[in-house]
Amino acid sequence: MTETTLDQPLRGSDFARLSRRVARAGLLERRPGYYAARTAAVAALFAGGWTLFALAGDTWWQLPVAVLLAVAFAQVALLAHDLAHGQVFRSRRASRNAGYLAGNLAIGLGYGWWAEKHTRHHANPNHEDHDPDVAPQVLVWSERQAGQARGLTRLVARHQAWLFFPLLTLEGLNLHVSSLRSLRRVKNRGVEALLLILHDAAYLAAVFTVLSPGRALAFLAVHQACFGVYLGCVFAPNHKGMPMLTGADRPDFLRRQVLTSRNVGGGRLLDAALGGLNHQIEHHLFPSMPTPSLRRARPIVRAYCRQLGVPYTECGLIASWGQALRHLHAVGRSLR
């Protein structure tokens, strides 16, 4: 029986038909073994980094350790991302509690605030009015936003393509400050606040106890800068430079997710480095799909998009950055 015959008697949207194909391939089933192994590996990296920090003592060799810990923090953040999407546990309570430990306690990222913000992004990716990830704060993402920019944003936007990577060095700090500022709005503010305070106390106490003040400040700068750049390398290539939606623009679910997303091609090492989010189209179509299934879903989704005539964008990592930076440069042209 062919795929067309299987789909023929089942009516529904374009996405519903795709979803049935993906479900029949078993790609929506949970992968507890994978997540147990991944959690153990990330925990070992995190603990190993801090152990190396303790053993190295007061030396400038701590700066490479800061880079290693930035990688560990980013991998914890990627695991928290999967928890927020319900990829790891069936229970929302288990996902939330694990998210608090991974986000708030381990890396100082407010899980409740970030999960809510990320959910809004998934509902309306690249929509100027509804996606918080393209809100004009320091950078602008469309010509309309450029025309409305004022103050520091207007000044930065003129040369934002050149400033993008330097600004990413502040992203880790920005996420932490935003986490603290959001505490008054999150549901379990007491738990989240306590865990964020414990993180800050333990983090700063460890750094300033082991290192002299000058080396401690250098360690903090390198660690937070590398953490921010890593996160930018994970998330920015997925949507930046792709079509922007505005006003009443609201294609159907499948097109809304596919047309605004970009896949980054690469092997399994890239999958591990980017937490599988290089398969961004599949992730946006099926947010609860376990990470290892995204690669297997790609040929199904790509063939289906070709069948529908829906553009499916995929390129290499360097090319994705080039497209994103060219978009930022073009958007800021009217201000130069």
C-alpha atoms as a PDB file:
ATOM      1  CA  MET A   1       0.000   0.000   0.000  1.00  0.00           C
ATOM      2  CA  THR A   2       1.541   3.338  -1.007  1.00  0.00           C
ATOM      3  CA  GLU A   3       1.936   6.436   1.145  1.00  0.00           C
ATOM      4  CA  THR A   4      -0.652   8.235  -1.007  1.00  0.00           C
ATOM      5  CA  THR A   5      -3.177   5.443  -0.478  1.00  0.00           C
ATOM      6  CA  LEU A   6      -2.606   5.532   3.259  1.00  0.00           C
ATOM      7  CA  ASP A   7      -3.249   9.275   3.371  1.00  0.00           C
ATOM      8  CA  GLN A   8      -6.143   9.325   0.914  1.00  0.00           C
ATOM      9  CA  PRO A   9      -9.001   8.289   3.221  1.00  0.00           C
ATOM     10  CA  LEU A  10      -7.711  10.536   6.025  1.00  0.00           C
ATOM     11  CA  ARG A  11      -8.774  14.140   5.644  1.00  0.00           C
ATOM     12  CA  GLY A  12      -7.195  17.110   7.353  1.00  0.00           C
ATOM     13  CA  SER A  13      -4.684  19.885   6.946  1.00  0.00           C
ATOM     14  CA  ASP A  14      -1.332  19.601   5.229  1.00  0.00           C
ATOM     15  CA  PHE A  15       0.302  19.386   8.647  1.00  0.00           C
ATOM     16  CA  ALA A  16      -2.092  16.671   9.825  1.00  0.00           C
ATOM     17  CA  ARG A  17      -1.146  14.487   6.881  1.00  0.00           C
ATOM     18  CA  LEU A  18       2.558  15.050   7.549  1.00  0.00           C
ATOM     19  CA  SER A  19       2.046  14.330  11.225  1.00  0.00           C
ATOM     20  CA  ARG A  20       0.502  10.955  10.423  1.00  0.00           C
ATOM     21  CA  ARG A  21       3.499  10.016   8.275  1.00  0.00           C
ATOM     22  CA  VAL A  22       5.919  10.996  11.035  1.00  0.00           C
ATOM     23  CA  ALA A  23       3.908   9.163  13.692  1.00  0.00           C
ATOM     24  CA  ARG A  24       3.787   5.988  11.581  1.00  0.00           C
ATOM     25  CA  ALA A  25       7.597   6.125  11.384  1.00  0.00           C
ATOM     26  CA  GLY A  26       7.697   6.043  15.197  1.00  0.00           C
ATOM     27  CA  LEU A  27       9.513   9.378  15.399  1.00  0.00           C
ATOM     28  CA  LEU A  28       7.281  10.874  18.092  1.00  0.00           C
ATOM     29  CA  GLU A  29       7.972   8.079  20.561  1.00  0.00           C
ATOM     30  CA  ARG A  30       9.999   8.952  23.647  1.00  0.00           C
ATOM     31  CA  ARG A  31      13.681   8.048  23.881  1.00  0.00           C
ATOM     32  CA  PRO A  32      14.412   7.542  27.608  1.00  0.00           C
ATOM     33  CA  GLY A  33      17.677   5.704  26.971  1.00  0.00           C
ATOM     34  CA  TYR A  34      19.016   8.552  24.858  1.00  0.00           C
ATOM     35  CA  TYR A  35      18.101  11.187  27.428  1.00  0.00           C
ATOM     36  CA  ALA A  36      19.532   9.143  30.299  1.00  0.00           C
ATOM     37  CA  ALA A  37      22.856   8.877  28.444  1.00  0.00           C
ATOM     38  CA  ARG A  38      22.814  12.529  27.377  1.00  0.00           C
ATOM     39  CA  THR A  39      21.996  13.755  30.883  1.00  0.00           C
ATOM     40  CA  ALA A  40      24.814  11.657  32.321  1.00  0.00           C
ATOM     41  CA  ALA A  41      27.271  13.014  29.730  1.00  0.00           C
ATOM     42  CA  VAL A  42      26.260  16.637  30.329  1.00  0.00           C
ATOM     43  CA  ALA A  43      26.396  16.167  34.106  1.00  0.00           C
ATOM     44  CA  ALA A  44      29.884  14.656  33.781  1.00  0.00           C
ATOM     45  CA  LEU A  45      31.024  17.591  31.630  1.00  0.00           C
ATOM     46  CA  PHE A  46      29.569  20.088  34.108  1.00  0.00           C
ATOM     47  CA  ALA A  47      31.020  18.368  37.190  1.00  0.00           C
ATOM     48  CA  GLY A  48      34.331  17.732  35.432  1.00  0.00           C
ATOM     49  CA  GLY A  49      34.674  21.393  34.521  1.00  0.00           C
ATOM     50  CA  TRP A  50      34.168  22.547  38.104  1.00  0.00           C
ATOM     51  CA  THR A  51      36.497  19.817  39.399  1.00  0.00           C
ATOM     52  CA  LEU A  52      39.202  20.997  37.006  1.00  0.00           C
ATOM     53  CA  PHE A  53      38.547  24.557  38.191  1.00  0.00           C
ATOM     54  CA  ALA A  54      39.073  23.528  41.824  1.00  0.00           C
ATOM     55  CA  LEU A  55      42.260  21.603  41.019  1.00  0.00           C
ATOM     56  CA  ALA A  56      43.833  24.316  38.837  1.00  0.00           C
ATOM     57  CA  GLY A  57      43.911  26.896  41.625  1.00  0.00           C
ATOM     58  CA  ASP A  58      44.828  30.575  41.290  1.00  0.00           C
ATOM     59  CA  THR A  59      46.383  30.636  37.831  1.00  0.00           C
ATOM     60  CA  TRP A  60      45.746  32.180  34.431  1.00  0.00           C
ATOM     61  CA  TRP A  61      45.308  28.619  33.121  1.00  0.00           C
ATOM     62  CA  GLN A  62      41.787  29.002  34.512  1.00  0.00           C
ATOM     63  CA  LEU A  63      40.803  30.919  31.368  1.00  0.00           C
ATOM     64  CA  PRO A  64      40.692  27.734  29.216  1.00  0.00           C
ATOM     65  CA  VAL A  65      38.669  26.192  32.063  1.00  0.00           C
ATOM     66  CA  ALA A  66      36.261  29.126  31.716  1.00  0.00           C
ATOM     67  CA  VAL A  67      35.795  28.227  28.041  1.00  0.00           C
ATOM     68  CA  LEU A  68      35.177  24.572  28.949  1.00  0.00           C
ATOM     69  CA  LEU A  69      32.585  25.583  31.538  1.00  0.00           C
ATOM     70  CA  ALA A  70      30.902  27.843  28.978  1.00  0.00           C
ATOM     71  CA  VAL A  71      30.435  24.769  26.782  1.00  0.00           C
ATOM     72  CA  ALA A  72      29.086  22.852  29.791  1.00  0.00           C
ATOM     73  CA  PHE A  73      26.634  25.654  30.644  1.00  0.00           C
ATOM     74  CA  ALA A  74      25.409  25.755  27.035  1.00  0.00           C
ATOM     75  CA  GLN A  75      24.868  21.996  26.989  1.00  0.00           C
ATOM     76  CA  VAL A  76      22.850  22.257  30.216  1.00  0.00           C
ATOM     77  CA  ALA A  77      20.806  25.032  28.591  1.00  0.00           C
ATOM     78  CA  LEU A  78      20.096  22.789  25.585  1.00  0.00           C
ATOM     79  CA  LEU A  79      18.942  20.038  27.928  1.00  0.00           C
ATOM     80  CA  ALA A  80      16.663  22.544  29.698  1.00  0.00           C
ATOM     81  CA  HIS A  81      15.289  23.443  26.258  1.00  0.00           C
ATOM     82  CA  ASP A  82      14.282  19.824  25.643  1.00  0.00           C
ATOM     83  CA  LEU A  83      12.707  19.644  29.107  1.00  0.00           C
ATOM     84  CA  ALA A  84      10.621  22.725  28.326  1.00  0.00           C
ATOM     85  CA  HIS A  85       9.263  21.025  25.199  1.00  0.00           C
ATOM     86  CA  GLY A  86       8.288  17.845  27.055  1.00  0.00           C
ATOM     87  CA  GLN A  87      10.773  15.745  25.105  1.00  0.00           C
ATOM     88  CA  VAL A  88      12.260  14.054  28.170  1.00  0.00           C
ATOM     89  CA  PHE A  89       9.397  13.288  30.590  1.00  0.00           C
ATOM     90  CA  ARG A  90       5.699  12.684  30.057  1.00  0.00           C
ATOM     91  CA  SER A  91       4.856  14.524  33.275  1.00  0.00           C
ATOM     92  CA  ARG A  92       4.794  18.324  33.144  1.00  0.00           C
ATOM     93  CA  ARG A  93       5.671  18.407  36.812  1.00  0.00           C
ATOM     94  CA  ALA A  94       8.778  16.267  36.310  1.00  0.00           C
ATOM     95  CA  SER A  95       9.826  18.394  33.319  1.00  0.00           C
ATOM     96  CA  ARG A  96       9.323  21.603  35.304  1.00  0.00           C
ATOM     97  CA  ASN A  97      11.222  20.416  38.370  1.00  0.00           C
ATOM     98  CA  ALA A  98      14.118  19.126  36.280  1.00  0.00           C
ATOM     99  CA  GLY A  99      14.067  22.425  34.386  1.00  0.00           C
ATOM    100  CA  TYR A 100      14.402  24.364  37.631  1.00  0.00           C
ATOM    101  CA  LEU A 101      17.462  22.314  38.590  1.00  0.00           C
ATOM    102  CA  ALA A 102      19.090  22.561  35.144  1.00  0.00           C
ATOM    103  CA  GLY A 103      18.174  26.183  34.453  1.00  0.00           C
ATOM    104  CA  ASN A 104      17.897  28.132  37.692  1.00  0.00           C
ATOM    105  CA  LEU A 105      20.295  26.197  39.911  1.00  0.00           C
ATOM    106  CA  ALA A 106      22.973  24.923  37.523  1.00  0.00           C
ATOM    107  CA  ILE A 107      23.395  27.850  35.105  1.00  0.00           C
ATOM    108  CA  GLY A 108      21.372  30.766  36.515  1.00  0.00           C
ATOM    109  CA  LEU A 109      18.747  30.832  33.757  1.00  0.00           C
ATOM    110  CA  GLY A 110      15.152  31.388  34.887  1.00  0.00           C
ATOM    111  CA  TYR A 111      13.407  28.310  33.539  1.00  0.00           C
ATOM    112  CA  GLY A 112       9.820  29.523  33.968  1.00  0.00           C
ATOM    113  CA  TRP A 113      10.414  32.848  32.255  1.00  0.00           C
ATOM    114  CA  TRP A 114      12.437  31.363  29.412  1.00  0.00           C
ATOM    115  CA  ALA A 115      10.014  28.475  28.770  1.00  0.00           C
ATOM    116  CA  GLU A 116       7.067  30.893  28.494  1.00  0.00           C
ATOM    117  CA  LYS A 117       9.013  33.213  26.195  1.00  0.00           C
ATOM    118  CA  HIS A 118      10.163  30.316  24.015  1.00  0.00           C
ATOM    119  CA  THR A 119       6.606  28.983  23.726  1.00  0.00           C
ATOM    120  CA  ARG A 120       5.494  32.353  22.328  1.00  0.00           C
ATOM    121  CA  HIS A 121       8.339  32.201  19.824  1.00  0.00           C
ATOM    122  CA  HIS A 122       7.230  28.770  18.621  1.00  0.00           C
ATOM    123  CA  ALA A 123       3.635  29.925  18.174  1.00  0.00           C
ATOM    124  CA  ASN A 124       4.604  32.840  15.905  1.00  0.00           C
ATOM    125  CA  PRO A 125       8.210  32.506  14.681  1.00  0.00           C
ATOM    126  CA  ASN A 126       9.657  35.629  13.065  1.00  0.00           C
ATOM    127  CA  HIS A 127       6.413  37.582  13.527  1.00  0.00           C
ATOM    128  CA  GLU A 128       7.283  41.185  14.319  1.00  0.00           C
ATOM    129  CA  ASP A 129       4.286  41.653  16.602  1.00  0.00           C
ATOM    130  CA  HIS A 130       4.228  38.324  18.439  1.00  0.00           C
ATOM    131  CA  ASP A 131       7.661  36.689  18.484  1.00  0.00           C
ATOM    132  CA  PRO A 132       9.683  37.941  21.498  1.00  0.00           C
ATOM    133  CA  ASP A 133      12.901  36.777  19.824  1.00  0.00           C
ATOM    134  CA  VAL A 134      12.587  39.472  17.134  1.00  0.00           C
ATOM    135  CA  ALA A 135      11.426  42.282  19.408  1.00  0.00           C
ATOM    136  CA  PRO A 136      13.509  45.414  18.707  1.00  0.00           C
ATOM    137  CA  GLN A 137      15.630  45.789  21.831  1.00  0.00           C
ATOM    138  CA  VAL A 138      19.237  46.496  20.861  1.00  0.00           C
ATOM    139  CA  LEU A 139      19.012  44.998  17.368  1.00  0.00           C
ATOM    140  CA  VAL A 140      16.301  45.442  14.742  1.00  0.00           C
ATOM    141  CA  TRP A 141      15.124  42.655  12.471  1.00  0.00           C
ATOM    142  CA  SER A 142      13.015  44.442   9.841  1.00  0.00           C
ATOM    143  CA  GLU A 143      12.956  47.724   7.954  1.00  0.00           C
ATOM    144  CA  ARG A 144       9.820  48.754   9.851  1.00  0.00           C
ATOM    145  CA  GLN A 145      11.603  48.241  13.160  1.00  0.00           C
ATOM    146  CA  ALA A 146      14.578  50.205  11.824  1.00  0.00           C
ATOM    147  CA  GLY A 147      12.288  53.118  10.952  1.00  0.00           C
ATOM    148  CA  GLN A 148      10.855  53.134  14.470  1.00  0.00           C
ATOM    149  CA  ALA A 149      14.200  52.705  16.280  1.00  0.00           C
ATOM    150  CA  ARG A 150      15.273  55.374  18.749  1.00  0.00           C
ATOM    151  CA  GLY A 151      18.202  56.047  21.043  1.00  0.00           C
ATOM    152  CA  LEU A 152      20.787  53.309  21.533  1.00  0.00           C
ATOM    153  CA  THR A 153      18.891  50.862  19.323  1.00  0.00           C
ATOM    154  CA  ARG A 154      18.975  53.302  16.404  1.00  0.00           C
ATOM    155  CA  LEU A 155      22.689  53.924  16.917  1.00  0.00           C
ATOM    156  CA  VAL A 156      23.556  50.209  17.101  1.00  0.00           C
ATOM    157  CA  ALA A 157      21.279  49.235  14.218  1.00  0.00           C
ATOM    158  CA  ARG A 158      23.332  51.269  11.741  1.00  0.00           C
ATOM    159  CA  HIS A 159      26.195  48.804  12.014  1.00  0.00           C
ATOM    160  CA  GLN A 160      24.476  45.892  13.712  1.00  0.00           C
ATOM    161  CA  ALA A 161      25.909  43.222  11.410  1.00  0.00           C
ATOM    162  CA  TRP A 162      29.422  44.185  12.537  1.00  0.00           C
ATOM    163  CA  LEU A 163      28.349  44.437  16.179  1.00  0.00           C
ATOM    164  CA  PHE A 164      26.371  41.196  16.286  1.00  0.00           C
ATOM    165  CA  PHE A 165      29.111  38.863  17.513  1.00  0.00           C
ATOM    166  CA  PRO A 166      30.531  41.365  20.036  1.00  0.00           C
ATOM    167  CA  LEU A 167      27.011  41.839  21.420  1.00  0.00           C
ATOM    168  CA  LEU A 168      26.604  38.079  21.792  1.00  0.00           C
ATOM    169  CA  THR A 169      29.332  38.154  24.436  1.00  0.00           C
ATOM    170  CA  LEU A 170      26.780  39.915  26.661  1.00  0.00           C
ATOM    171  CA  GLU A 171      23.944  37.462  25.979  1.00  0.00           C
ATOM    172  CA  GLY A 172      24.705  35.174  28.934  1.00  0.00           C
ATOM    173  CA  LEU A 173      24.603  38.124  31.323  1.00  0.00           C
ATOM    174  CA  ASN A 174      21.469  39.463  29.622  1.00  0.00           C
ATOM    175  CA  LEU A 175      19.656  36.147  30.110  1.00  0.00           C
ATOM    176  CA  HIS A 176      20.583  36.078  33.782  1.00  0.00           C
ATOM    177  CA  VAL A 177      19.464  39.674  34.397  1.00  0.00           C
ATOM    178  CA  SER A 178      16.218  39.014  32.504  1.00  0.00           C
ATOM    179  CA  SER A 179      15.662  35.913  34.643  1.00  0.00           C
ATOM    180  CA  LEU A 180      15.959  37.977  37.829  1.00  0.00           C
ATOM    181  CA  ARG A 181      13.717  40.752  36.496  1.00  0.00           C
ATOM    182  CA  SER A 182      11.029  38.248  35.490  1.00  0.00           C
ATOM    183  CA  LEU A 183      10.666  36.728  38.965  1.00  0.00           C
ATOM    184  CA  ARG A 184       7.650  38.865  39.823  1.00  0.00           C
ATOM    185  CA  ARG A 185       5.763  37.386  36.847  1.00  0.00           C
ATOM    186  CA  VAL A 186       6.545  33.649  37.042  1.00  0.00           C
ATOM    187  CA  LYS A 187       4.227  31.178  38.771  1.00  0.00           C
ATOM    188  CA  ASN A 188       6.594  29.533  41.251  1.00  0.00           C
ATOM    189  CA  ARG A 189       8.550  32.682  42.009  1.00  0.00           C
ATOM    190  CA  GLY A 190       9.648  31.519  45.473  1.00  0.00           C
ATOM    191  CA  VAL A 191      11.292  28.343  44.188  1.00  0.00           C
ATOM    192  CA  GLU A 192      12.804  30.051  41.157  1.00  0.00           C
ATOM    193  CA  ALA A 193      14.149  32.958  43.199  1.00  0.00           C
ATOM    194  CA  LEU A 194      15.691  30.658  45.802  1.00  0.00           C
ATOM    195  CA  LEU A 195      17.439  28.535  43.169  1.00  0.00           C
ATOM    196  CA  LEU A 196      18.739  31.592  41.292  1.00  0.00           C
ATOM    197  CA  ILE A 197      20.121  33.044  44.532  1.00  0.00           C
ATOM    198  CA  LEU A 198      21.770  29.727  45.390  1.00  0.00           C
ATOM    199  CA  HIS A 199      23.338  29.625  41.936  1.00  0.00           C
ATOM    200  CA  ASP A 200      24.695  33.169  42.217  1.00  0.00           C
ATOM    201  CA  ALA A 201      26.028  32.594  45.719  1.00  0.00           C
ATOM    202  CA  ALA A 202      27.776  29.322  44.862  1.00  0.00           C
ATOM    203  CA  TYR A 203      29.097  30.594  41.508  1.00  0.00           C
ATOM    204  CA  LEU A 204      30.581  33.824  42.836  1.00  0.00           C
ATOM    205  CA  ALA A 205      31.852  32.232  46.047  1.00  0.00           C
ATOM    206  CA  ALA A 206      33.697  29.543  44.091  1.00  0.00           C
ATOM    207  CA  VAL A 207      35.293  31.996  41.669  1.00  0.00           C
ATOM    208  CA  PHE A 208      36.373  34.596  44.235  1.00  0.00           C
ATOM    209  CA  THR A 209      37.519  31.978  46.776  1.00  0.00           C
ATOM    210  CA  VAL A 210      39.813  30.139  44.356  1.00  0.00           C
ATOM    211  CA  LEU A 211      41.017  33.109  42.294  1.00  0.00           C
ATOM    212  CA  SER A 212      42.523  36.479  43.101  1.00  0.00           C
ATOM    213  CA  PRO A 213      40.207  39.423  42.293  1.00  0.00           C
ATOM    214  CA  GLY A 214      41.825  40.228  38.931  1.00  0.00           C
ATOM    215  CA  ARG A 215      41.836  36.633  37.735  1.00  0.00           C
ATOM    216  CA  ALA A 216      38.332  36.122  39.079  1.00  0.00           C
ATOM    217  CA  LEU A 217      37.001  39.029  37.009  1.00  0.00           C
ATOM    218  CA  ALA A 218      38.851  37.766  33.935  1.00  0.00           C
ATOM    219  CA  PHE A 219      37.396  34.279  34.482  1.00  0.00           C
ATOM    220  CA  LEU A 220      33.863  35.677  34.789  1.00  0.00           C
ATOM    221  CA  ALA A 221      34.284  37.770  31.635  1.00  0.00           C
ATOM    222  CA  VAL A 222      35.610  34.877  29.539  1.00  0.00           C
ATOM    223  CA  HIS A 223      33.079  32.384  30.885  1.00  0.00           C
ATOM    224  CA  GLN A 224      30.018  34.578  30.350  1.00  0.00           C
ATOM    225  CA  ALA A 225      31.244  35.855  26.960  1.00  0.00           C
ATOM    226  CA  CYS A 226      31.851  32.356  25.593  1.00  0.00           C
ATOM    227  CA  PHE A 227      28.542  31.140  27.020  1.00  0.00           C
ATOM    228  CA  GLY A 228      26.683  33.941  25.227  1.00  0.00           C
ATOM    229  CA  VAL A 229      28.462  33.381  21.918  1.00  0.00           C
ATOM    230  CA  TYR A 230      27.803  29.631  22.091  1.00  0.00           C
ATOM    231  CA  LEU A 231      24.084  30.179  22.653  1.00  0.00           C
ATOM    232  CA  GLY A 232      24.026  32.662  19.786  1.00  0.00           C
ATOM    233  CA  CYS A 233      25.691  30.107  17.515  1.00  0.00           C
ATOM    234  CA  VAL A 234      22.952  27.623  18.457  1.00  0.00           C
ATOM    235  CA  PHE A 235      19.837  29.759  18.126  1.00  0.00           C
ATOM    236  CA  ALA A 236      20.530  32.623  15.697  1.00  0.00           C
ATOM    237  CA  PRO A 237      21.184  30.575  12.489  1.00  0.00           C
ATOM    238  CA  ASN A 238      17.740  28.989  12.740  1.00  0.00           C
ATOM    239  CA  HIS A 239      15.560  32.009  11.895  1.00  0.00           C
ATOM    240  CA  LYS A 240      17.628  35.153  11.350  1.00  0.00           C
ATOM    241  CA  GLY A 241      17.534  36.185   7.717  1.00  0.00           C
ATOM    242  CA  MET A 242      14.410  34.151   7.018  1.00  0.00           C
ATOM    243  CA  PRO A 243      11.092  35.825   6.005  1.00  0.00           C
ATOM    244  CA  MET A 244       9.548  38.122   8.597  1.00  0.00           C
ATOM    245  CA  LEU A 245       5.807  38.172   9.221  1.00  0.00           C
ATOM    246  CA  THR A 246       3.860  41.218  10.302  1.00  0.00           C
ATOM    247  CA  GLY A 247       0.330  42.400  11.001  1.00  0.00           C
ATOM    248  CA  ALA A 248      -2.287  39.917   9.831  1.00  0.00           C
ATOM    249  CA  ASP A 249       0.291  37.645   8.173  1.00  0.00           C
ATOM    250  CA  ARG A 250      -0.558  34.194   9.474  1.00  0.00           C
ATOM    251  CA  PRO A 251      -0.025  31.275   7.089  1.00  0.00           C
ATOM    252  CA  ASP A 252      -1.267  27.845   8.101  1.00  0.00           C
ATOM    253  CA  PHE A 253       0.766  26.056  10.788  1.00  0.00           C
ATOM    254  CA  LEU A 254       2.994  24.048   8.441  1.00  0.00           C
ATOM    255  CA  ARG A 255       3.949  26.999   6.251  1.00  0.00           C
ATOM    256  CA  ARG A 256       4.319  29.340   9.218  1.00  0.00           C
ATOM    257  CA  GLN A 257       6.936  27.022  10.721  1.00  0.00           C
ATOM    258  CA  VAL A 258       8.741  25.907   7.547  1.00  0.00           C
ATOM    259  CA  LEU A 259       8.986  29.246   5.738  1.00  0.00           C
ATOM    260  CA  THR A 260      10.478  31.079   8.736  1.00  0.00           C
ATOM    261  CA  SER A 261      12.973  28.359   9.720  1.00  0.00           C
ATOM    262  CA  ARG A 262      16.319  27.260   8.338  1.00  0.00           C
ATOM    263  CA  ASN A 263      18.083  23.924   8.794  1.00  0.00           C
ATOM    264  CA  VAL A 264      21.842  23.803   9.219  1.00  0.00           C
ATOM    265  CA  GLY A 265      23.310  20.759   7.518  1.00  0.00           C
ATOM    266  CA  GLY A 266      26.080  18.743   9.160  1.00  0.00           C
ATOM    267  CA  GLY A 267      26.940  15.450  10.769  1.00  0.00           C
ATOM    268  CA  ARG A 268      26.253  13.998  14.188  1.00  0.00           C
ATOM    269  CA  LEU A 269      28.990  16.094  15.801  1.00  0.00           C
ATOM    270  CA  LEU A 270      27.116  19.233  14.766  1.00  0.00           C
ATOM    271  CA  ASP A 271      23.913  17.668  16.084  1.00  0.00           C
ATOM    272  CA  ALA A 272      25.590  17.216  19.477  1.00  0.00           C
ATOM    273  CA  ALA A 273      27.108  20.713  19.480  1.00  0.00           C
ATOM    274  CA  LEU A 274      23.807  22.411  18.593  1.00  0.00           C
ATOM    275  CA  GLY A 275      21.576  20.082  20.597  1.00  0.00           C
ATOM    276  CA  GLY A 276      19.810  18.920  17.439  1.00  0.00           C
ATOM    277  CA  LEU A 277      18.435  22.419  16.835  1.00  0.00           C
ATOM    278  CA  ASN A 278      20.220  22.527  13.493  1.00  0.00           C
ATOM    279  CA  HIS A 279      17.156  20.488  12.387  1.00  0.00           C
ATOM    280  CA  GLN A 280      15.080  23.572  13.121  1.00  0.00           C
ATOM    281  CA  ILE A 281      12.299  22.952  10.594  1.00  0.00           C
ATOM    282  CA  GLU A 282      11.513  19.538  12.053  1.00  0.00           C
ATOM    283  CA  HIS A 283      11.814  20.885  15.593  1.00  0.00           C
ATOM    284  CA  HIS A 284       9.344  23.683  14.906  1.00  0.00           C
ATOM    285  CA  LEU A 285       6.870  21.337  13.273  1.00  0.00           C
ATOM    286  CA  PHE A 286       7.167  18.769  16.086  1.00  0.00           C
ATOM    287  CA  PRO A 287       8.484  20.530  19.230  1.00  0.00           C
ATOM    288  CA  SER A 288       8.019  17.477  21.455  1.00  0.00           C
ATOM    289  CA  MET A 289       9.934  15.170  19.088  1.00  0.00           C
ATOM    290  CA  PRO A 290      13.033  13.768  20.849  1.00  0.00           C
ATOM    291  CA  THR A 291      16.293  15.210  19.564  1.00  0.00           C
ATOM    292  CA  PRO A 292      17.667  11.997  17.972  1.00  0.00           C
ATOM    293  CA  SER A 293      14.497  11.605  15.893  1.00  0.00           C
ATOM    294  CA  LEU A 294      14.851  14.999  14.217  1.00  0.00           C
ATOM    295  CA  ARG A 295      17.561  13.791  11.822  1.00  0.00           C
ATOM    296  CA  ARG A 296      15.396  10.825  10.799  1.00  0.00           C
ATOM    297  CA  ALA A 297      12.365  13.069  10.274  1.00  0.00           C
ATOM    298  CA  ARG A 298      14.248  15.412   7.951  1.00  0.00           C
ATOM    299  CA  PRO A 299      13.947  13.380   4.694  1.00  0.00           C
ATOM    300  CA  ILE A 300      10.237  12.803   5.357  1.00  0.00           C
ATOM    301  CA  VAL A 301       9.562  16.496   5.938  1.00  0.00           C
ATOM    302  CA  ARG A 302      11.769  17.599   3.039  1.00  0.00           C
ATOM    303  CA  ALA A 303      10.048  15.249   0.577  1.00  0.00           C
ATOM    304  CA  TYR A 304       6.609  16.315   1.795  1.00  0.00           C
ATOM    305  CA  CYS A 305       7.463  20.020   1.416  1.00  0.00           C
ATOM    306  CA  ARG A 306       8.696  19.323  -2.108  1.00  0.00           C
ATOM    307  CA  GLN A 307       5.397  17.565  -2.830  1.00  0.00           C
ATOM    308  CA  LEU A 308       3.473  20.640  -1.612  1.00  0.00           C
ATOM    309  CA  GLY A 309       5.784  23.139  -3.313  1.00  0.00           C
ATOM    310  CA  VAL A 310       6.766  24.682   0.030  1.00  0.00           C
ATOM    311  CA  PRO A 311      10.386  25.974   0.088  1.00  0.00           C
ATOM    312  CA  TYR A 312      12.563  23.965   2.477  1.00  0.00           C
ATOM    313  CA  THR A 313      15.710  25.932   3.371  1.00  0.00           C
ATOM    314  CA  GLU A 314      18.911  24.187   4.387  1.00  0.00           C
ATOM    315  CA  CYS A 315      22.554  25.259   4.230  1.00  0.00           C
ATOM    316  CA  GLY A 316      25.860  24.906   6.053  1.00  0.00           C
ATOM    317  CA  LEU A 317      26.691  26.605   9.344  1.00  0.00           C
ATOM    318  CA  ILE A 318      28.945  29.292   7.845  1.00  0.00           C
ATOM    319  CA  ALA A 319      26.428  30.004   5.084  1.00  0.00           C
ATOM    320  CA  SER A 320      23.657  30.371   7.671  1.00  0.00           C
ATOM    321  CA  TRP A 321      25.680  32.984   9.520  1.00  0.00           C
ATOM    322  CA  GLY A 322      26.349  34.792   6.254  1.00  0.00           C
ATOM    323  CA  GLN A 323      22.629  34.954   5.473  1.00  0.00           C
ATOM    324  CA  ALA A 324      21.808  36.214   8.965  1.00  0.00           C
ATOM    325  CA  LEU A 325      24.497  38.910   8.903  1.00  0.00           C
ATOM    326  CA  ARG A 326      23.566  40.063   5.393  1.00  0.00           C
ATOM    327  CA  HIS A 327      19.968  40.411   6.567  1.00  0.00           C
ATOM    328  CA  LEU A 328      21.024  42.501   9.577  1.00  0.00           C
ATOM    329  CA  HIS A 329      23.192  44.688   7.347  1.00  0.00           C
ATOM    330  CA  ALA A 330      20.386  45.223   4.836  1.00  0.00           C
ATOM    331  CA  VAL A 331      17.852  46.064   7.554  1.00  0.00           C
ATOM    332  CA  GLY A 332      20.128  48.762   8.980  1.00  0.00           C
ATOM    333  CA  ARG A 333      20.835  50.342   5.588  1.00  0.00           C
ATOM    334  CA  SER A 334      18.169  53.050   5.947  1.00  0.00           C
ATOM    335  CA  LEU A 335      19.836  54.297   9.140  1.00  0.00           C
ATOM    336  CA  ARG A 336      23.322  54.659   7.696  1.00  0.00           C
END
